[in-house]
Amino acid sequence: MVRPAILHPQAVPVTAVDAHLPAVAPESLTVAALRARFAVPPDWQVEIPGDGGVFANRPPAAASVLVPLVMHEQGVQLLLTRRTDHLRDHAGQISFPGGRVEPEDDDAVATALRETEEEIGLARSHIEVIGRLPIYTTVTGFHVTPVVALVQPDIELRLDEFEVAEAFEVPLAFLMDPANHRRHRFEFEGGERSFLSMPWTSLDAVGQPREYFIWGATAAMLRNFYRFLCA
């Protein structure tokens, strides 16, 4: 069965909020704790391995994204991007920097670092890779490796204006608190799809309030990160 794309995720009804689950403790979100967790990973099970299916006529492809954790004194923040509205795939969506594996890439880490530098101008010299999360399979047929890294603060980004409309940061503590995780269910003829969202409201690049609707694969990989830190 071919599943339809979800074009307006904000309009899909919220069926539950996971406020009954505990937030990751603040002491587990420090730079030292994050390094230690990836140095000796726990025994754990991924919660969301993928979107649950793929569109027809989409051969699988390897991809990699960077999960950039910016080391501010007041706490770790996650750096995300908002894609431009004219792109063919995932226009306007919130995403990690990253993309398809190219033949010249040595591994998933190389892909994530190359794509990050191309998309937002974040140099590899400012990045410390500390680990990976399990591969996530998207509905568009990508097998995505999330590469987790610590990033120096006070960096100057150079956005690829064709692909990236904006880069912004969200406190990691907000994302690692399931009270901010919403469950949605999208029904269509012959089936249904479910997804998570983690809406974050802040000022945009020109100082205007904006809701950054983090959902889909990005939210699912963050939920897996939550499970990893809680294990």
Protein backbone atom coordinates (compact mmCIF):
# COMPACT_ATOMS: atom_id res chain seq x y z
CA MET A 1 0.00 0.00 0.00
CA VAL A 2 1.32 3.41 -0.98
CA ARG A 3 1.07 5.88 1.90
CA PRO A 4 0.27 9.53 1.20
CA ALA A 5 2.68 12.26 2.25
CA ILE A 6 1.74 14.39 5.25
CA LEU A 7 1.79 17.90 3.81
CA HIS A 8 0.41 19.82 6.82
CA PRO A 9 1.61 18.04 9.98
CA GLN A 10 0.58 20.87 12.31
CA ALA A 11 -3.04 20.21 11.35
CA VAL A 12 -2.91 16.51 12.23
CA PRO A 13 -4.73 15.90 15.55
CA VAL A 14 -2.73 15.38 18.74
CA THR A 15 -3.77 12.08 20.34
CA ALA A 16 -1.55 12.16 23.43
CA VAL A 17 1.29 13.95 25.23
CA ASP A 18 3.93 11.83 26.97
CA ALA A 19 4.04 13.85 30.18
CA HIS A 20 3.84 10.62 32.21
CA LEU A 21 7.41 9.73 31.22
CA PRO A 22 10.37 11.12 33.20
CA ALA A 23 12.62 13.81 31.77
CA VAL A 24 16.33 13.10 31.43
CA ALA A 25 17.99 14.36 34.60
CA PRO A 26 19.95 17.63 34.24
CA GLU A 27 23.16 15.93 35.42
CA SER A 28 22.86 13.53 32.47
CA LEU A 29 22.80 16.41 29.98
CA THR A 30 26.16 17.94 30.86
CA VAL A 31 29.05 17.74 28.40
CA ALA A 32 30.95 15.33 30.64
CA ALA A 33 27.92 13.06 31.09
CA LEU A 34 27.23 12.95 27.35
CA ARG A 35 30.84 12.04 26.58
CA ALA A 36 30.75 9.31 29.25
CA ARG A 37 27.45 7.85 28.00
CA PHE A 38 28.73 7.41 24.45
CA ALA A 39 32.13 6.14 25.66
CA VAL A 40 30.38 3.27 27.49
CA PRO A 41 26.96 2.85 25.85
CA PRO A 42 24.20 1.16 27.84
CA ASP A 43 22.25 -1.93 26.81
CA TRP A 44 19.13 -0.43 25.29
CA GLN A 45 16.45 -0.84 22.62
CA VAL A 46 15.63 1.75 19.98
CA GLU A 47 12.00 2.90 20.27
CA ILE A 48 11.35 4.09 16.71
CA PRO A 49 13.47 2.32 14.04
CA GLY A 50 11.79 4.11 11.17
CA ASP A 51 8.68 5.58 9.60
CA GLY A 52 7.16 2.15 9.10
CA GLY A 53 7.19 2.01 5.30
CA VAL A 54 8.49 3.67 2.17
CA PHE A 55 6.95 5.35 -0.83
CA ALA A 56 6.67 3.22 -3.94
CA ASN A 57 9.49 3.38 -6.50
CA ARG A 58 12.02 4.76 -3.99
CA PRO A 59 15.15 2.58 -3.89
CA PRO A 60 16.93 2.65 -0.51
CA ALA A 61 19.82 5.06 -0.10
CA ALA A 62 22.33 5.67 2.70
CA ALA A 63 22.40 9.05 4.40
CA SER A 64 23.85 10.64 7.50
CA VAL A 65 22.96 13.61 9.70
CA LEU A 66 24.81 15.48 12.41
CA VAL A 67 23.18 15.91 15.83
CA PRO A 68 25.14 19.06 16.86
CA LEU A 69 25.13 19.72 20.61
CA VAL A 70 26.41 23.24 21.29
CA MET A 71 28.33 23.50 24.56
CA HIS A 72 27.06 26.73 26.13
CA GLU A 73 27.94 27.55 29.72
CA GLN A 74 24.26 27.78 30.63
CA GLY A 75 23.57 24.33 29.18
CA VAL A 76 23.80 22.21 26.05
CA GLN A 77 21.63 23.24 23.11
CA LEU A 78 20.79 21.39 19.91
CA LEU A 79 21.49 23.16 16.62
CA LEU A 80 18.80 22.57 13.99
CA THR A 81 17.99 23.98 10.56
CA ARG A 82 14.83 25.12 8.81
CA ARG A 83 14.88 24.12 5.17
CA THR A 84 13.91 26.58 2.45
CA ASP A 85 10.37 26.48 1.11
CA HIS A 86 11.23 25.78 -2.53
CA LEU A 87 13.03 22.44 -2.08
CA ARG A 88 11.54 19.36 -3.72
CA ASP A 89 11.87 17.21 -0.59
CA HIS A 90 11.03 18.30 2.98
CA ALA A 91 10.51 21.95 2.07
CA GLY A 92 10.25 24.22 5.10
CA GLN A 93 10.80 21.37 7.55
CA ILE A 94 13.01 21.35 10.62
CA SER A 95 15.95 18.99 10.23
CA PHE A 96 19.45 18.09 11.26
CA PRO A 97 22.19 19.11 8.84
CA GLY A 98 23.04 16.15 6.68
CA GLY A 99 22.28 14.30 3.49
CA ARG A 100 22.99 11.44 1.14
CA VAL A 101 26.24 9.47 1.31
CA GLU A 102 28.54 10.28 -1.60
CA PRO A 103 31.19 7.94 -3.08
CA GLU A 104 34.04 10.05 -1.70
CA ASP A 105 32.80 9.75 1.90
CA ASP A 106 34.79 7.29 4.02
CA ASP A 107 31.91 6.57 6.40
CA ALA A 108 28.77 7.99 8.02
CA VAL A 109 30.80 10.45 10.07
CA ALA A 110 32.49 11.82 6.96
CA THR A 111 29.10 12.31 5.31
CA ALA A 112 27.66 14.14 8.31
CA LEU A 113 30.67 16.44 8.62
CA ARG A 114 30.80 17.21 4.89
CA GLU A 115 27.09 17.92 4.63
CA THR A 116 27.14 20.08 7.75
CA GLU A 117 29.97 22.20 6.41
CA GLU A 118 28.23 22.53 3.03
CA GLU A 119 24.81 23.39 4.47
CA ILE A 120 25.62 25.71 7.38
CA GLY A 121 29.36 26.40 7.14
CA LEU A 122 30.19 24.71 10.44
CA ALA A 123 33.86 23.74 10.14
CA ARG A 124 35.01 20.30 11.24
CA SER A 125 37.60 21.91 13.52
CA HIS A 126 34.73 23.09 15.78
CA ILE A 127 33.16 19.61 16.03
CA GLU A 128 33.94 16.70 18.37
CA VAL A 129 32.14 13.52 17.32
CA ILE A 130 31.22 11.46 20.39
CA GLY A 131 29.07 8.67 18.94
CA ARG A 132 26.23 7.46 16.77
CA LEU A 133 22.62 6.47 17.22
CA PRO A 134 20.99 3.52 15.41
CA ILE A 135 20.11 3.85 11.73
CA TYR A 136 16.68 5.36 11.12
CA THR A 137 14.73 4.40 7.97
CA THR A 138 12.58 7.15 6.48
CA VAL A 139 9.41 6.88 4.45
CA THR A 140 11.38 8.29 1.49
CA GLY A 141 13.74 5.29 1.55
CA PHE A 142 16.78 6.76 3.29
CA HIS A 143 18.73 4.75 5.86
CA VAL A 144 19.94 7.59 8.06
CA THR A 145 22.81 7.38 10.56
CA PRO A 146 22.58 10.09 13.26
CA VAL A 147 26.11 11.17 14.24
CA VAL A 148 26.17 12.90 17.63
CA ALA A 149 28.76 15.62 18.19
CA LEU A 150 29.72 18.36 20.60
CA VAL A 151 30.13 21.80 19.04
CA GLN A 152 32.06 24.79 20.32
CA PRO A 153 29.92 27.83 21.19
CA ASP A 154 30.16 31.27 19.58
CA ILE A 155 30.53 29.81 16.11
CA GLU A 156 29.87 31.78 12.95
CA LEU A 157 27.69 29.91 10.47
CA ARG A 158 27.49 30.44 6.70
CA LEU A 159 24.16 29.09 5.49
CA ASP A 160 23.66 27.64 2.04
CA GLU A 161 20.84 29.99 1.08
CA PHE A 162 19.43 27.56 -1.48
CA GLU A 163 18.89 24.79 1.08
CA VAL A 164 18.78 26.42 4.51
CA ALA A 165 16.46 29.27 5.46
CA GLU A 166 17.58 29.46 9.08
CA ALA A 167 19.68 27.77 11.77
CA PHE A 168 18.52 27.93 15.38
CA GLU A 169 19.11 26.29 18.75
CA VAL A 170 16.80 24.48 21.18
CA PRO A 171 17.74 23.59 24.77
CA LEU A 172 18.54 19.89 24.93
CA ALA A 173 16.66 19.71 28.25
CA PHE A 174 13.44 20.76 26.45
CA LEU A 175 13.82 18.03 23.84
CA MET A 176 14.71 15.37 26.41
CA ASP A 177 11.53 16.00 28.40
CA PRO A 178 8.63 13.84 27.11
CA ALA A 179 6.17 16.40 28.47
CA ASN A 180 7.08 18.22 25.23
CA HIS A 181 6.56 15.13 23.03
CA ARG A 182 3.19 15.06 21.27
CA ARG A 183 1.72 12.07 19.47
CA HIS A 184 -0.24 12.58 16.24
CA ARG A 185 -2.31 10.17 14.14
CA PHE A 186 -3.00 10.79 10.44
CA GLU A 187 -5.79 8.67 8.94
CA PHE A 188 -6.19 8.03 5.24
CA GLU A 189 -8.18 5.63 3.10
CA GLY A 190 -6.93 2.17 3.92
CA GLY A 191 -4.69 2.99 6.87
CA GLU A 192 -3.13 5.48 9.24
CA ARG A 193 0.24 7.01 10.11
CA SER A 194 1.52 8.13 13.48
CA PHE A 195 4.30 10.55 14.29
CA LEU A 196 5.80 12.59 17.12
CA SER A 197 6.22 16.35 17.32
CA MET A 198 8.17 18.61 19.66
CA PRO A 199 7.04 22.18 18.87
CA TRP A 200 9.44 24.86 20.05
CA THR A 201 8.54 28.57 20.11
CA SER A 202 11.29 31.19 19.95
CA LEU A 203 12.33 34.31 18.07
CA ASP A 204 13.40 33.77 14.48
CA ALA A 205 16.35 35.29 12.64
CA VAL A 206 14.60 38.68 12.34
CA GLY A 207 13.37 38.75 15.94
CA GLN A 208 9.78 37.65 15.32
CA PRO A 209 8.07 34.86 17.33
CA ARG A 210 7.94 31.60 15.42
CA GLU A 211 6.84 28.07 16.20
CA TYR A 212 9.45 25.59 15.01
CA PHE A 213 7.46 22.43 14.39
CA ILE A 214 9.94 19.61 14.98
CA TRP A 215 8.29 16.41 13.76
CA GLY A 216 8.68 13.26 11.68
CA ALA A 217 12.11 11.70 11.33
CA THR A 218 13.85 14.50 13.24
CA ALA A 219 11.53 14.10 16.24
CA ALA A 220 11.76 10.30 16.05
CA MET A 221 15.57 10.34 16.14
CA LEU A 222 15.43 12.72 19.10
CA ARG A 223 13.04 10.32 20.84
CA ASN A 224 15.57 7.52 20.28
CA PHE A 225 18.23 9.82 21.76
CA TYR A 226 15.96 10.26 24.79
CA ARG A 227 15.69 6.47 25.20
CA PHE A 228 19.46 6.14 24.88
CA LEU A 229 20.07 8.68 27.64
CA CYS A 230 17.41 7.11 29.89
CA ALA A 231 18.65 3.52 29.55
